[in-house]
Amino acid sequence: MPIDLSVLCPLYSIDPRAVWKGQLALLLTVGAAATVTVIPLDPQSRGLRWLRRCGVAGIAVMVALQFAVLIRYLFYPSYLNHAEAITAAVSWLSWEGYPLYPRLDVGDVYGLLYGPVLFQVTGFFLWLFGPSIGASKILGLTAFALSQVLSFVTLRRSGAGVGEALTMAGVQCLVLAGFTDQGYVSGVRSDALLFLAAQAAILLATSPPTILTAGALGLLGGICVNFKIHGALYILPAFVYCLGRSPRVAVGVRLACVAGLAGAFALVVPFNPSNVSLFEYHHYFETLSHHPWERWLFEQNIVFEGMCFAPLLCMYVLFTPKLPRAFIWFGTALVLCMTLVAFPAAVSGAGPHHLLPFLPSLVWGFCHASRGLGQLADLRARGRYEGLSLGLIAALLFGYGPIVVASWGTVLHRFADTPRVIEAVAEIHKALDDNPGLKVAVGPGAASYDAKICG
């Protein structure tokens, strides 16, 4: 009897490059959910508890290794990504008074598709600690560490126990670790700062919906737009949750107006310095935004989004917890915002790292929706919950863990080249000292991002 498999045909059109960021973890998560619905588990089983403790211990070890890698990167005499070097250089030029967005018809053009806040804050740190490669990395590493602290504080405020809050913060840190090799986690880029802003927004959203809270969320939204043009989408789910908890519609409208004014203020102020031109920034954005759109990157973004949402969806399908209206609106906004960001994240040179600032919303949402499931009176339901928790940990370690290990491998390979980097830096300094009257430029050589000197 012939079996019709035409339903699988769309899978054959997926670019193989699209499934590296999370497809195995997604399949293992769905498999774990299916398993616990079929096989009854004893929630008081010692074996189940032992396996779960081993999984949590594995997460803790990988988180410790992630912090060790990032601290080592602070002392690495170069960058993991070419955009970090450009950001650091432009930040210092801007701090010294050079135009942040020079006119495109003049000699020196060094623009990036970032708003002025990134360069201004990085420039301040370079001024504070002295212009150096190490000093330029302090801001990103601080933002990464502070994000994990705020995650723990937010989860504890939402009712999670100490162990649960530490575990979920570790899960968030582990997902970030898969992007270490490109400097997205703590490098001289906007990503770590956007993540910190999104984490702070979730912390604010769990506070009472007052004018002060709305104003703070609006400021965060305006600042995020000054990092990336779509940055406000990272704050929007938290703001929707805040509005959803307002007692009356009139109060919600008032909070929205306050947030809008605060956001506009945060958006405009960074363009006030005389060396920052909104008009030229618009020109840069117009010129550089014509990058080609890559279908395989969009597919990769959707796979990563599916991996991130899978634990929350599986938990909801299996237990259908009663959720407040504000949380429903929050979840809807989160799905829409992540899907919208998946489109600009599919231009050439982008990717799933654009979705990382949504992790604080996803982690908090999972903890909030699963609150109380571990104390279910029905032993079978509680066994499903314990089994699903163990399955999710296993999916993270065995489905996403290889991505983290590969990322660390790339970074450690770069660390092994430290002597050659030091030698190259010495050659650059010698070329500058030997040619004091010449303008010396460093540009790409025959290999990708391989520096060479030209006079």
Protein backbone atom coordinates (compact mmCIF):
# COMPACT_ATOMS: atom_id res chain seq x y z
CA MET A 1 0.00 0.00 0.00
CA PRO A 2 1.63 3.30 -1.09
CA ILE A 3 2.17 5.89 1.61
CA ASP A 4 1.78 9.55 0.67
CA LEU A 5 4.73 11.52 2.06
CA SER A 6 4.08 14.67 0.03
CA VAL A 7 3.41 16.53 3.26
CA LEU A 8 7.16 16.33 3.94
CA CYS A 9 8.13 17.98 0.65
CA PRO A 10 8.46 21.50 2.14
CA LEU A 11 11.15 20.16 4.46
CA TYR A 12 13.37 19.35 1.49
CA SER A 13 13.43 23.01 0.48
CA ILE A 14 14.90 24.13 3.81
CA ASP A 15 18.52 25.20 3.42
CA PRO A 16 20.75 22.92 5.55
CA ARG A 17 22.46 26.03 6.95
CA ALA A 18 19.14 27.03 8.52
CA VAL A 19 18.97 24.26 11.10
CA TRP A 20 22.19 24.66 13.08
CA LYS A 21 20.81 26.99 15.76
CA GLY A 22 18.48 24.74 17.69
CA GLN A 23 16.71 22.13 15.57
CA LEU A 24 17.99 19.19 17.65
CA ALA A 25 16.97 20.86 20.91
CA LEU A 26 13.54 21.57 19.38
CA LEU A 27 13.06 17.93 18.38
CA LEU A 28 14.23 16.64 21.78
CA THR A 29 11.85 19.03 23.54
CA VAL A 30 8.87 17.82 21.51
CA GLY A 31 10.02 14.23 22.02
CA ALA A 32 10.21 14.72 25.80
CA ALA A 33 6.70 16.18 25.87
CA ALA A 34 5.35 13.26 23.86
CA THR A 35 7.12 10.73 26.09
CA VAL A 36 5.73 12.03 29.38
CA THR A 37 2.19 11.92 28.00
CA VAL A 38 2.55 8.20 27.23
CA ILE A 39 4.79 6.89 30.02
CA PRO A 40 3.57 7.50 33.60
CA LEU A 41 6.32 8.70 35.94
CA ASP A 42 6.55 8.64 39.71
CA PRO A 43 7.31 12.22 40.88
CA GLN A 44 8.86 10.81 44.06
CA SER A 45 11.25 8.52 42.20
CA ARG A 46 14.83 8.81 43.44
CA GLY A 47 16.12 8.07 39.96
CA LEU A 48 14.15 10.96 38.49
CA ARG A 49 15.42 13.34 41.17
CA TRP A 50 19.00 12.15 40.72
CA LEU A 51 18.88 12.66 36.95
CA ARG A 52 17.41 16.13 37.40
CA ARG A 53 20.14 17.09 39.87
CA CYS A 54 22.76 15.82 37.44
CA GLY A 55 21.22 17.93 34.69
CA VAL A 56 21.18 21.05 36.85
CA ALA A 57 24.80 20.35 37.84
CA GLY A 58 25.68 20.09 34.15
CA ILE A 59 24.09 23.47 33.48
CA ALA A 60 26.01 24.97 36.42
CA VAL A 61 29.32 23.64 35.12
CA MET A 62 28.70 25.01 31.63
CA VAL A 63 27.69 28.40 33.04
CA ALA A 64 30.92 28.52 35.08
CA LEU A 65 32.90 27.68 31.94
CA GLN A 66 31.08 30.41 30.03
CA PHE A 67 32.07 33.02 32.61
CA ALA A 68 35.66 31.72 32.53
CA VAL A 69 35.79 32.07 28.72
CA LEU A 70 34.39 35.62 28.84
CA ILE A 71 36.81 36.72 31.57
CA ARG A 72 39.67 35.29 29.51
CA TYR A 73 38.38 37.22 26.50
CA LEU A 74 38.72 40.44 28.48
CA PHE A 75 42.50 39.94 28.37
CA TYR A 76 42.70 38.68 24.79
CA PRO A 77 44.61 41.38 22.82
CA SER A 78 42.18 41.46 19.88
CA TYR A 79 38.51 40.96 19.00
CA LEU A 80 36.41 37.98 17.96
CA ASN A 81 34.45 39.96 15.40
CA HIS A 82 35.45 42.75 13.02
CA ALA A 83 32.41 44.83 14.05
CA GLU A 84 33.83 45.08 17.58
CA ALA A 85 37.00 46.73 16.30
CA ILE A 86 35.00 49.18 14.19
CA THR A 87 32.67 50.01 17.09
CA ALA A 88 35.58 50.66 19.46
CA ALA A 89 37.40 52.86 16.92
CA VAL A 90 34.31 54.88 15.98
CA SER A 91 33.41 55.31 19.67
CA TRP A 92 36.80 56.83 20.46
CA LEU A 93 36.74 59.06 17.35
CA SER A 94 33.29 60.29 18.35
CA TRP A 95 34.42 60.93 21.93
CA GLU A 96 37.35 62.96 20.58
CA GLY A 97 34.93 65.17 18.65
CA TYR A 98 35.01 63.64 15.18
CA PRO A 99 31.67 63.38 13.35
CA LEU A 100 29.88 60.20 14.37
CA TYR A 101 28.21 59.91 10.97
CA PRO A 102 30.51 61.67 8.46
CA ARG A 103 29.07 62.79 5.16
CA LEU A 104 29.24 60.10 2.52
CA ASP A 105 30.90 62.44 -0.01
CA VAL A 106 33.97 63.18 2.16
CA GLY A 107 37.16 61.15 2.64
CA ASP A 108 36.67 59.33 5.94
CA VAL A 109 33.58 57.14 6.13
CA TYR A 110 33.29 54.78 9.10
CA GLY A 111 29.60 54.32 9.71
CA LEU A 112 27.66 51.39 11.14
CA LEU A 113 23.94 50.71 11.43
CA TYR A 114 23.94 51.56 15.13
CA GLY A 115 22.42 54.60 16.79
CA PRO A 116 24.63 57.06 18.71
CA VAL A 117 24.07 55.64 22.23
CA LEU A 118 26.32 52.62 21.65
CA PHE A 119 29.23 54.79 20.53
CA GLN A 120 28.69 57.38 23.24
CA VAL A 121 28.59 54.85 26.10
CA THR A 122 31.54 52.89 24.72
CA GLY A 123 33.46 56.13 24.23
CA PHE A 124 32.81 57.07 27.85
CA PHE A 125 34.27 53.75 29.04
CA LEU A 126 37.31 54.26 26.79
CA TRP A 127 37.80 57.72 28.28
CA LEU A 128 37.29 56.41 31.82
CA PHE A 129 39.70 53.46 31.61
CA GLY A 130 41.96 54.68 28.81
CA PRO A 131 41.63 53.87 25.09
CA SER A 132 42.58 50.20 24.79
CA ILE A 133 41.17 46.92 23.54
CA GLY A 134 40.64 45.65 27.09
CA ALA A 135 38.86 48.82 28.21
CA SER A 136 36.46 48.61 25.25
CA LYS A 137 35.30 45.14 26.45
CA ILE A 138 34.50 46.14 30.04
CA LEU A 139 31.05 47.53 29.17
CA GLY A 140 29.86 44.38 27.40
CA LEU A 141 31.15 42.01 30.09
CA THR A 142 29.55 44.15 32.81
CA ALA A 143 26.23 44.16 30.92
CA PHE A 144 26.36 40.37 30.54
CA ALA A 145 27.06 39.76 34.25
CA LEU A 146 24.47 42.29 35.39
CA SER A 147 21.84 40.69 33.13
CA GLN A 148 22.25 37.36 34.92
CA VAL A 149 21.91 39.05 38.32
CA LEU A 150 18.74 40.87 37.21
CA SER A 151 17.35 37.61 35.83
CA PHE A 152 17.75 35.96 39.23
CA VAL A 153 16.19 38.95 41.02
CA THR A 154 13.24 39.05 38.60
CA LEU A 155 12.51 35.34 38.94
CA ARG A 156 12.72 35.50 42.72
CA ARG A 157 10.29 38.44 42.73
CA SER A 158 7.91 36.36 40.60
CA GLY A 159 7.79 33.60 43.21
CA ALA A 160 10.51 31.20 42.05
CA GLY A 161 12.63 29.47 44.67
CA VAL A 162 16.36 30.10 44.91
CA GLY A 163 17.21 26.84 43.14
CA GLU A 164 14.67 27.37 40.36
CA ALA A 165 15.75 30.99 39.81
CA LEU A 166 19.43 30.01 39.62
CA THR A 167 18.65 27.16 37.23
CA MET A 168 16.56 29.32 34.88
CA ALA A 169 19.16 32.10 34.91
CA GLY A 170 21.71 29.41 34.07
CA VAL A 171 19.55 28.17 31.19
CA GLN A 172 19.41 31.71 29.81
CA CYS A 173 23.18 32.05 30.17
CA LEU A 174 23.71 28.72 28.41
CA VAL A 175 21.62 29.72 25.40
CA LEU A 176 23.68 32.90 25.14
CA ALA A 177 26.86 30.82 25.26
CA GLY A 178 26.06 29.38 21.84
CA PHE A 179 26.84 32.81 20.36
CA THR A 180 30.12 33.47 22.17
CA ASP A 181 32.34 32.99 19.12
CA GLN A 182 31.07 36.12 17.35
CA GLY A 183 31.23 38.49 20.31
CA TYR A 184 27.43 38.72 20.58
CA VAL A 185 27.37 37.78 24.27
CA SER A 186 29.69 40.35 25.84
CA GLY A 187 31.60 41.94 22.98
CA VAL A 188 31.93 45.55 21.86
CA ARG A 189 28.53 45.50 20.21
CA SER A 190 24.99 46.54 21.00
CA ASP A 191 23.78 42.98 21.73
CA ALA A 192 24.82 42.74 25.40
CA LEU A 193 23.35 46.18 26.13
CA LEU A 194 20.07 45.36 24.38
CA PHE A 195 19.89 42.16 26.40
CA LEU A 196 20.45 44.09 29.64
CA ALA A 197 17.74 46.60 28.67
CA ALA A 198 15.28 43.78 27.91
CA GLN A 199 16.09 42.12 31.23
CA ALA A 200 15.56 45.40 33.09
CA ALA A 201 12.24 45.85 31.27
CA ILE A 202 10.97 42.50 32.59
CA LEU A 203 12.01 43.48 36.10
CA LEU A 204 10.11 46.78 35.74
CA ALA A 205 7.07 45.06 34.24
CA THR A 206 6.67 42.93 37.37
CA SER A 207 6.40 46.13 39.43
CA PRO A 208 3.05 47.87 39.96
CA PRO A 209 1.85 49.65 36.77
CA THR A 210 2.55 53.24 37.82
CA ILE A 211 3.53 56.33 35.86
CA LEU A 212 7.10 55.85 37.07
CA THR A 213 7.15 52.27 35.74
CA ALA A 214 5.70 53.33 32.38
CA GLY A 215 8.19 56.19 32.10
CA ALA A 216 11.11 53.87 32.81
CA LEU A 217 9.89 51.37 30.21
CA GLY A 218 9.50 54.20 27.71
CA LEU A 219 13.07 55.36 28.37
CA LEU A 220 14.34 51.82 27.83
CA GLY A 221 12.41 51.61 24.56
CA GLY A 222 13.86 54.90 23.30
CA ILE A 223 17.38 53.86 24.29
CA CYS A 224 16.99 50.52 22.51
CA VAL A 225 15.91 52.26 19.31
CA ASN A 226 19.14 54.24 19.63
CA PHE A 227 21.01 50.94 19.63
CA LYS A 228 19.11 49.31 16.76
CA ILE A 229 16.25 50.72 14.75
CA HIS A 230 13.94 47.83 15.78
CA GLY A 231 15.13 47.88 19.41
CA ALA A 232 11.78 48.92 20.89
CA LEU A 233 10.34 45.52 19.96
CA TYR A 234 12.51 43.93 22.66
CA ILE A 235 10.78 46.09 25.30
CA LEU A 236 7.26 45.92 23.89
CA PRO A 237 6.16 42.56 25.44
CA ALA A 238 7.10 43.79 28.92
CA PHE A 239 5.27 47.06 28.30
CA VAL A 240 2.17 45.20 27.08
CA TYR A 241 2.21 43.15 30.30
CA CYS A 242 2.48 46.36 32.34
CA LEU A 243 -0.47 47.92 30.50
CA GLY A 244 -2.50 44.74 30.82
CA ARG A 245 -2.28 44.96 34.61
CA SER A 246 -3.60 48.53 34.76
CA PRO A 247 -6.96 48.72 36.60
CA ARG A 248 -8.82 50.76 33.96
CA VAL A 249 -8.54 51.60 30.27
CA ALA A 250 -8.07 55.29 31.06
CA VAL A 251 -5.12 54.46 33.29
CA GLY A 252 -3.60 52.33 30.52
CA VAL A 253 -3.95 55.18 28.02
CA ARG A 254 -2.27 57.56 30.46
CA LEU A 255 0.60 55.11 31.02
CA ALA A 256 1.01 54.66 27.26
CA CYS A 257 1.24 58.45 26.76
CA VAL A 258 3.86 58.76 29.52
CA ALA A 259 5.88 55.91 28.00
CA GLY A 260 5.66 57.49 24.54
CA LEU A 261 6.92 60.85 25.79
CA ALA A 262 9.76 59.22 27.73
CA GLY A 263 10.70 57.13 24.69
CA ALA A 264 10.75 60.19 22.41
CA PHE A 265 12.98 62.00 24.91
CA ALA A 266 15.44 59.08 25.07
CA LEU A 267 15.43 58.86 21.29
CA VAL A 268 16.18 62.54 20.62
CA VAL A 269 18.69 63.44 23.35
CA PRO A 270 21.65 61.35 22.01
CA PHE A 271 21.47 63.32 18.75
CA ASN A 272 21.99 66.64 20.55
CA PRO A 273 25.84 66.74 20.50
CA SER A 274 27.21 68.82 17.64
CA ASN A 275 29.11 65.89 16.12
CA VAL A 276 25.99 63.69 15.83
CA SER A 277 23.78 64.33 12.81
CA LEU A 278 20.34 62.75 12.59
CA PHE A 279 20.24 63.66 8.89
CA GLU A 280 23.52 61.86 8.13
CA TYR A 281 22.48 58.89 10.28
CA HIS A 282 19.39 58.59 8.11
CA HIS A 283 21.65 58.72 5.04
CA TYR A 284 23.83 55.93 6.44
CA PHE A 285 20.80 53.84 7.24
CA GLU A 286 19.35 54.38 3.77
CA THR A 287 22.62 53.46 2.08
CA LEU A 288 23.63 50.48 4.23
CA SER A 289 20.16 49.01 4.64
CA HIS A 290 20.10 47.65 1.08
CA HIS A 291 21.78 44.44 2.17
CA PRO A 292 20.34 41.34 0.46
CA TRP A 293 17.70 39.36 2.33
CA GLU A 294 18.72 35.72 2.88
CA ARG A 295 15.99 33.09 2.97
CA TRP A 296 18.19 30.56 4.79
CA LEU A 297 18.85 33.10 7.57
CA PHE A 298 15.11 33.70 7.97
CA GLU A 299 14.57 29.95 8.22
CA GLN A 300 17.33 29.75 10.82
CA ASN A 301 15.67 32.53 12.81
CA ILE A 302 12.34 30.68 12.75
CA VAL A 303 14.02 27.44 13.88
CA PHE A 304 15.66 29.30 16.77
CA GLU A 305 12.38 31.00 17.66
CA GLY A 306 10.65 27.62 17.66
CA MET A 307 13.33 26.20 19.96
CA CYS A 308 12.86 29.10 22.38
CA PHE A 309 9.07 28.82 22.46
CA ALA A 310 8.88 25.02 22.57
CA PRO A 311 9.28 24.62 26.38
CA LEU A 312 6.55 27.17 27.10
CA LEU A 313 4.17 25.73 24.51
CA CYS A 314 4.72 22.12 25.62
CA MET A 315 4.11 23.04 29.24
CA TYR A 316 0.92 24.91 28.34
CA VAL A 317 -0.42 22.09 26.14
CA LEU A 318 0.24 19.44 28.78
CA PHE A 319 -1.14 21.32 31.79
CA THR A 320 -3.26 24.24 30.42
CA PRO A 321 -2.66 26.44 33.50
CA LYS A 322 -5.05 29.32 34.13
CA LEU A 323 -3.24 32.47 33.07
CA PRO A 324 -4.28 36.10 33.67
CA ARG A 325 -5.38 38.25 30.77
CA ALA A 326 -2.25 40.41 31.01
CA PHE A 327 -0.07 37.35 30.52
CA ILE A 328 -2.06 36.28 27.44
CA TRP A 329 -1.48 39.71 25.91
CA PHE A 330 2.18 39.48 26.89
CA GLY A 331 2.57 36.11 25.17
CA THR A 332 0.81 37.34 22.03
CA ALA A 333 3.04 40.41 21.85
CA LEU A 334 6.12 38.24 22.39
CA VAL A 335 5.26 35.94 19.47
CA LEU A 336 4.52 38.88 17.17
CA CYS A 337 7.66 40.81 18.15
CA MET A 338 9.98 37.83 17.72
CA THR A 339 8.49 37.02 14.33
CA LEU A 340 8.79 40.64 13.21
CA VAL A 341 12.45 40.82 14.26
CA ALA A 342 13.11 37.57 12.36
CA PHE A 343 12.70 39.56 9.11
CA PRO A 344 15.42 42.24 9.62
CA ALA A 345 17.51 39.50 11.25
CA ALA A 346 17.55 37.74 7.87
CA VAL A 347 19.52 40.36 5.96
CA SER A 348 23.05 39.36 4.97
CA GLY A 349 25.35 39.44 8.00
CA ALA A 350 22.52 39.15 10.55
CA GLY A 351 21.06 36.03 12.15
CA PRO A 352 19.40 34.54 15.25
CA HIS A 353 21.48 36.66 17.62
CA HIS A 354 18.97 39.42 16.93
CA LEU A 355 16.42 37.31 18.84
CA LEU A 356 18.56 36.91 21.97
CA PRO A 357 17.14 39.97 23.79
CA PHE A 358 13.79 38.15 23.91
CA LEU A 359 15.26 35.46 26.18
CA PRO A 360 14.48 37.36 29.43
CA SER A 361 10.80 37.50 28.40
CA LEU A 362 10.76 33.81 27.48
CA VAL A 363 12.48 32.66 30.69
CA TRP A 364 10.26 34.79 32.91
CA GLY A 365 7.17 33.72 30.94
CA PHE A 366 7.98 30.04 31.41
CA CYS A 367 8.53 30.46 35.16
CA HIS A 368 5.38 32.54 35.56
CA ALA A 369 3.18 30.12 33.60
CA SER A 370 4.53 27.00 35.34
CA ARG A 371 4.22 28.41 38.86
CA GLY A 372 2.69 25.86 41.22
CA LEU A 373 2.81 22.90 38.82
CA GLY A 374 5.42 21.17 40.98
CA GLN A 375 2.88 20.98 43.84
CA LEU A 376 0.01 19.45 41.88
CA ALA A 377 -2.23 17.16 43.94
CA ASP A 378 -2.58 14.65 41.09
CA LEU A 379 0.50 12.40 41.26
CA ARG A 380 0.27 11.51 37.56
CA ALA A 381 0.16 15.19 36.55
CA ARG A 382 3.03 15.99 38.90
CA GLY A 383 4.98 13.09 37.40
CA ARG A 384 4.41 14.56 33.93
CA TYR A 385 5.69 17.91 35.15
CA GLU A 386 8.83 16.39 36.70
CA GLY A 387 9.42 14.32 33.57
CA LEU A 388 8.95 17.32 31.29
CA SER A 389 11.37 19.39 33.40
CA LEU A 390 13.99 16.65 33.12
CA GLY A 391 13.32 16.33 29.39
CA LEU A 392 13.78 20.06 28.84
CA ILE A 393 17.10 20.00 30.71
CA ALA A 394 18.24 17.03 28.61
CA ALA A 395 17.14 18.78 25.41
CA LEU A 396 19.16 21.84 26.38
CA LEU A 397 22.31 19.90 27.30
CA PHE A 398 22.29 17.34 24.48
CA GLY A 399 20.44 19.31 21.79
CA TYR A 400 21.90 22.77 22.29
CA GLY A 401 25.07 21.85 24.21
CA PRO A 402 27.01 20.86 21.05
CA ILE A 403 26.41 24.37 19.68
CA VAL A 404 27.91 25.83 22.85
CA VAL A 405 30.91 23.51 22.71
CA ALA A 406 31.52 24.39 19.04
CA SER A 407 31.32 28.08 19.88
CA TRP A 408 33.80 27.69 22.73
CA GLY A 409 36.09 25.68 20.43
CA THR A 410 36.23 28.57 17.97
CA VAL A 411 37.02 31.03 20.76
CA LEU A 412 39.72 28.83 22.31
CA HIS A 413 41.28 28.40 18.87
CA ARG A 414 41.50 32.19 18.63
CA PHE A 415 42.99 32.39 22.12
CA ALA A 416 45.70 29.95 21.03
CA ASP A 417 46.81 32.52 18.42
CA THR A 418 47.51 35.16 21.09
CA PRO A 419 51.32 35.21 20.45
CA ARG A 420 50.75 35.88 16.75
CA VAL A 421 48.26 38.65 17.58
CA ILE A 422 50.76 40.30 19.92
CA GLU A 423 53.39 40.08 17.18
CA ALA A 424 51.02 41.68 14.65
CA VAL A 425 50.20 44.51 17.07
CA ALA A 426 53.92 45.13 17.58
CA GLU A 427 54.39 45.35 13.79
CA ILE A 428 51.57 47.91 13.56
CA HIS A 429 53.12 50.02 16.32
CA LYS A 430 56.49 49.84 14.55
CA ALA A 431 54.91 50.95 11.26
CA LEU A 432 53.32 53.93 13.04
CA ASP A 433 56.60 54.87 14.73
CA ASP A 434 58.56 54.57 11.47
CA ASN A 435 56.11 56.78 9.55
CA PRO A 436 55.18 59.64 11.89
CA GLY A 437 54.26 61.99 9.05
CA LEU A 438 52.03 59.61 7.10
CA LYS A 439 48.43 58.53 7.47
CA VAL A 440 48.56 54.78 8.01
CA ALA A 441 45.51 52.59 7.44
CA VAL A 442 44.81 49.00 8.46
CA GLY A 443 42.62 47.07 6.06
CA PRO A 444 41.63 43.55 4.98
CA GLY A 445 44.27 41.39 3.35
CA ALA A 446 43.93 38.28 1.21
CA ALA A 447 42.26 36.31 3.99
CA SER A 448 39.00 37.35 5.66
CA TYR A 449 39.67 40.19 8.14
CA ASP A 450 43.44 39.56 7.93
CA ALA A 451 45.04 42.92 8.61
CA LYS A 452 47.74 44.52 6.48
CA ILE A 453 49.40 47.92 6.58
CA CYS A 454 49.10 50.39 3.74
CA GLY A 455 50.49 53.88 3.56
